[in-house]
């Protein structure tokens, strides 16, 4: 099991530079998990695509449903104190620290492309691409 941040989910469903890497990751590590926050962040990514006319409303809703299906049963709430401790000890946002907190609780790696997270948490966070 790995923890994935919202952009990693987006790379899987929205064709782009890192889609092949996300697909390969899913084949290697089929159990993806995330804090519940991922849903809102992914919705926001999809909203940007809809507003730029890169997706229709129906396509965005369909992708959200597919992603929710992938992570069904593997979404968790995180403890605020744990998140705030990570915020205190890093330069990362509370949003990013939710993913780190979950990875720490599960003893799992967090897959991300966020350079700040990768630098702040090198023992827990790994890059989607080498």
C-alpha atoms as a PDB file:
ATOM      1  CA  UNK A   1       0.000   0.000   0.000  1.00  0.00           C
ATOM      2  CA  UNK A   2       1.165   3.513  -0.845  1.00  0.00           C
ATOM      3  CA  UNK A   3      -0.212   6.948  -0.102  1.00  0.00           C
ATOM      4  CA  UNK A   4      -0.753   9.083  -3.188  1.00  0.00           C
ATOM      5  CA  UNK A   5      -1.323  12.793  -3.285  1.00  0.00           C
ATOM      6  CA  UNK A   6      -4.008  14.353  -5.430  1.00  0.00           C
ATOM      7  CA  UNK A   7      -1.733  15.254  -8.327  1.00  0.00           C
ATOM      8  CA  UNK A   8      -0.615  11.638  -8.640  1.00  0.00           C
ATOM      9  CA  UNK A   9      -4.278  10.681  -9.002  1.00  0.00           C
ATOM     10  CA  UNK A  10      -4.676  13.451 -11.576  1.00  0.00           C
ATOM     11  CA  UNK A  11      -1.681  12.185 -13.551  1.00  0.00           C
ATOM     12  CA  UNK A  12      -3.415   8.814 -13.791  1.00  0.00           C
ATOM     13  CA  UNK A  13      -6.695  10.180 -15.132  1.00  0.00           C
ATOM     14  CA  UNK A  14      -5.654  13.304 -17.061  1.00  0.00           C
ATOM     15  CA  UNK A  15      -3.378  12.558 -19.983  1.00  0.00           C
ATOM     16  CA  UNK A  16      -0.067  14.358 -19.731  1.00  0.00           C
ATOM     17  CA  UNK A  17       3.655  14.176 -19.121  1.00  0.00           C
ATOM     18  CA  UNK A  18       3.409  11.931 -16.032  1.00  0.00           C
ATOM     19  CA  UNK A  19       0.498   9.698 -17.032  1.00  0.00           C
ATOM     20  CA  UNK A  20       2.692   6.755 -18.054  1.00  0.00           C
ATOM     21  CA  UNK A  21       4.531   6.959 -14.722  1.00  0.00           C
ATOM     22  CA  UNK A  22       1.237   6.961 -12.799  1.00  0.00           C
ATOM     23  CA  UNK A  23      -0.047   3.990 -14.811  1.00  0.00           C
ATOM     24  CA  UNK A  24       3.177   2.065 -14.147  1.00  0.00           C
ATOM     25  CA  UNK A  25       2.905   2.893 -10.451  1.00  0.00           C
ATOM     26  CA  UNK A  26      -0.652   1.549 -10.335  1.00  0.00           C
ATOM     27  CA  UNK A  27       0.510  -1.714 -11.916  1.00  0.00           C
ATOM     28  CA  UNK A  28       3.377  -2.071  -9.413  1.00  0.00           C
ATOM     29  CA  UNK A  29       1.401  -0.828  -6.392  1.00  0.00           C
ATOM     30  CA  UNK A  30      -2.336  -1.393  -6.946  1.00  0.00           C
ATOM     31  CA  UNK A  31      -3.426  -0.379  -3.419  1.00  0.00           C
ATOM     32  CA  UNK A  32      -3.513   3.405  -3.352  1.00  0.00           C
ATOM     33  CA  UNK A  33      -4.666   5.284  -0.276  1.00  0.00           C
ATOM     34  CA  UNK A  34      -5.108   8.951   0.617  1.00  0.00           C
ATOM     35  CA  UNK A  35      -6.615  11.231   3.234  1.00  0.00           C
ATOM     36  CA  UNK A  36     -10.193  12.257   2.473  1.00  0.00           C
ATOM     37  CA  UNK A  37      -8.878  15.664   1.413  1.00  0.00           C
ATOM     38  CA  UNK A  38      -7.787  14.168  -1.917  1.00  0.00           C
ATOM     39  CA  UNK A  39     -11.401  14.311  -3.177  1.00  0.00           C
ATOM     40  CA  UNK A  40     -11.647  18.088  -2.845  1.00  0.00           C
ATOM     41  CA  UNK A  41      -8.218  18.653  -4.334  1.00  0.00           C
ATOM     42  CA  UNK A  42      -8.994  16.397  -7.290  1.00  0.00           C
ATOM     43  CA  UNK A  43     -12.336  18.154  -7.809  1.00  0.00           C
ATOM     44  CA  UNK A  44     -10.460  21.442  -7.910  1.00  0.00           C
ATOM     45  CA  UNK A  45      -8.060  20.099 -10.547  1.00  0.00           C
ATOM     46  CA  UNK A  46     -11.014  18.903 -12.622  1.00  0.00           C
ATOM     47  CA  UNK A  47     -12.737  22.273 -12.194  1.00  0.00           C
ATOM     48  CA  UNK A  48      -9.733  23.953 -13.784  1.00  0.00           C
ATOM     49  CA  UNK A  49      -9.933  21.604 -16.751  1.00  0.00           C
ATOM     50  CA  UNK A  50     -13.663  22.313 -17.147  1.00  0.00           C
ATOM     51  CA  UNK A  51     -13.129  26.074 -16.926  1.00  0.00           C
ATOM     52  CA  UNK A  52     -10.404  25.915 -19.595  1.00  0.00           C
ATOM     53  CA  UNK A  53     -12.726  23.821 -21.798  1.00  0.00           C
ATOM     54  CA  UNK A  54     -10.316  20.876 -21.658  1.00  0.00           C
ATOM     55  CA  UNK A  55     -13.042  18.612 -20.208  1.00  0.00           C
ATOM     56  CA  UNK A  56     -16.807  18.722 -20.323  1.00  0.00           C
ATOM     57  CA  UNK A  57     -18.771  18.767 -17.103  1.00  0.00           C
ATOM     58  CA  UNK A  58     -19.843  15.161 -17.722  1.00  0.00           C
ATOM     59  CA  UNK A  59     -16.254  14.039 -18.386  1.00  0.00           C
ATOM     60  CA  UNK A  60     -15.114  15.651 -15.142  1.00  0.00           C
ATOM     61  CA  UNK A  61     -17.895  13.954 -13.179  1.00  0.00           C
ATOM     62  CA  UNK A  62     -17.025  10.621 -14.771  1.00  0.00           C
ATOM     63  CA  UNK A  63     -13.320  10.983 -13.914  1.00  0.00           C
ATOM     64  CA  UNK A  64     -14.169  11.931 -10.328  1.00  0.00           C
ATOM     65  CA  UNK A  65     -16.332   8.816 -10.034  1.00  0.00           C
ATOM     66  CA  UNK A  66     -13.571   6.609 -11.490  1.00  0.00           C
ATOM     67  CA  UNK A  67     -10.989   7.999  -9.099  1.00  0.00           C
ATOM     68  CA  UNK A  68     -13.347   7.596  -6.138  1.00  0.00           C
ATOM     69  CA  UNK A  69     -13.863   3.984  -7.162  1.00  0.00           C
ATOM     70  CA  UNK A  70     -10.086   3.407  -7.243  1.00  0.00           C
ATOM     71  CA  UNK A  71      -9.661   4.728  -3.704  1.00  0.00           C
ATOM     72  CA  UNK A  72     -12.909   3.347  -2.262  1.00  0.00           C
ATOM     73  CA  UNK A  73     -12.238   1.801   1.118  1.00  0.00           C
ATOM     74  CA  UNK A  74      -8.741   3.315   1.227  1.00  0.00           C
ATOM     75  CA  UNK A  75      -9.563   6.877   2.318  1.00  0.00           C
ATOM     76  CA  UNK A  76      -8.760   7.948   5.851  1.00  0.00           C
ATOM     77  CA  UNK A  77      -9.202  10.884   8.166  1.00  0.00           C
ATOM     78  CA  UNK A  78      -6.006  12.215   9.687  1.00  0.00           C
ATOM     79  CA  UNK A  79      -5.463  13.632  13.155  1.00  0.00           C
ATOM     80  CA  UNK A  80      -5.153  17.401  13.282  1.00  0.00           C
ATOM     81  CA  UNK A  81      -2.400  17.350  15.880  1.00  0.00           C
ATOM     82  CA  UNK A  82      -0.252  15.067  13.718  1.00  0.00           C
ATOM     83  CA  UNK A  83      -0.776  17.348  10.729  1.00  0.00           C
ATOM     84  CA  UNK A  84       0.051  20.451  12.744  1.00  0.00           C
ATOM     85  CA  UNK A  85       3.233  18.863  14.112  1.00  0.00           C
ATOM     86  CA  UNK A  86       4.370  18.219  10.535  1.00  0.00           C
ATOM     87  CA  UNK A  87       3.476  21.801   9.593  1.00  0.00           C
ATOM     88  CA  UNK A  88       5.456  23.088  12.564  1.00  0.00           C
ATOM     89  CA  UNK A  89       8.513  21.082  11.577  1.00  0.00           C
ATOM     90  CA  UNK A  90       8.485  21.897   7.845  1.00  0.00           C
ATOM     91  CA  UNK A  91       7.700  24.587   5.299  1.00  0.00           C
ATOM     92  CA  UNK A  92       4.867  22.500   3.827  1.00  0.00           C
ATOM     93  CA  UNK A  93       1.191  23.402   3.770  1.00  0.00           C
ATOM     94  CA  UNK A  94      -1.285  21.729   6.073  1.00  0.00           C
ATOM     95  CA  UNK A  95      -2.854  20.208   2.973  1.00  0.00           C
ATOM     96  CA  UNK A  96       0.412  18.521   2.007  1.00  0.00           C
ATOM     97  CA  UNK A  97       1.052  17.461   5.587  1.00  0.00           C
ATOM     98  CA  UNK A  98      -2.237  15.543   5.633  1.00  0.00           C
ATOM     99  CA  UNK A  99      -0.767  13.138   3.084  1.00  0.00           C
ATOM    100  CA  UNK A 100       2.491  12.862   5.016  1.00  0.00           C
ATOM    101  CA  UNK A 101       0.609  12.245   8.281  1.00  0.00           C
ATOM    102  CA  UNK A 102      -1.331   9.398   6.705  1.00  0.00           C
ATOM    103  CA  UNK A 103       1.827   7.875   5.254  1.00  0.00           C
ATOM    104  CA  UNK A 104       3.472   8.024   8.661  1.00  0.00           C
ATOM    105  CA  UNK A 105       0.472   6.473  10.390  1.00  0.00           C
ATOM    106  CA  UNK A 106       0.363   3.606   7.877  1.00  0.00           C
ATOM    107  CA  UNK A 107       4.134   3.188   7.687  1.00  0.00           C
ATOM    108  CA  UNK A 108       3.820   3.684   3.937  1.00  0.00           C
ATOM    109  CA  UNK A 109       5.577   5.764   1.316  1.00  0.00           C
ATOM    110  CA  UNK A 110       3.961   8.913  -0.029  1.00  0.00           C
ATOM    111  CA  UNK A 111       4.264   9.220  -3.801  1.00  0.00           C
ATOM    112  CA  UNK A 112       4.431  12.826  -4.936  1.00  0.00           C
ATOM    113  CA  UNK A 113       6.077  15.206  -7.365  1.00  0.00           C
ATOM    114  CA  UNK A 114       5.991  18.069  -4.851  1.00  0.00           C
ATOM    115  CA  UNK A 115       9.605  19.172  -4.417  1.00  0.00           C
ATOM    116  CA  UNK A 116       8.954  20.832  -1.074  1.00  0.00           C
ATOM    117  CA  UNK A 117       7.415  17.653   0.353  1.00  0.00           C
ATOM    118  CA  UNK A 118      10.172  15.481  -1.100  1.00  0.00           C
ATOM    119  CA  UNK A 119      12.809  17.714   0.500  1.00  0.00           C
ATOM    120  CA  UNK A 120      11.077  18.047   3.884  1.00  0.00           C
ATOM    121  CA  UNK A 121      10.237  14.361   4.281  1.00  0.00           C
ATOM    122  CA  UNK A 122      12.905  12.334   2.439  1.00  0.00           C
ATOM    123  CA  UNK A 123      12.346   9.215   4.561  1.00  0.00           C
ATOM    124  CA  UNK A 124       8.627   9.112   3.854  1.00  0.00           C
ATOM    125  CA  UNK A 125       8.083  10.809   0.465  1.00  0.00           C
ATOM    126  CA  UNK A 126       9.258   9.406  -2.855  1.00  0.00           C
ATOM    127  CA  UNK A 127       9.043  10.877  -6.333  1.00  0.00           C
ATOM    128  CA  UNK A 128       6.660   9.493  -8.925  1.00  0.00           C
ATOM    129  CA  UNK A 129       9.538   9.660 -11.406  1.00  0.00           C
ATOM    130  CA  UNK A 130      13.212   9.050 -10.776  1.00  0.00           C
END
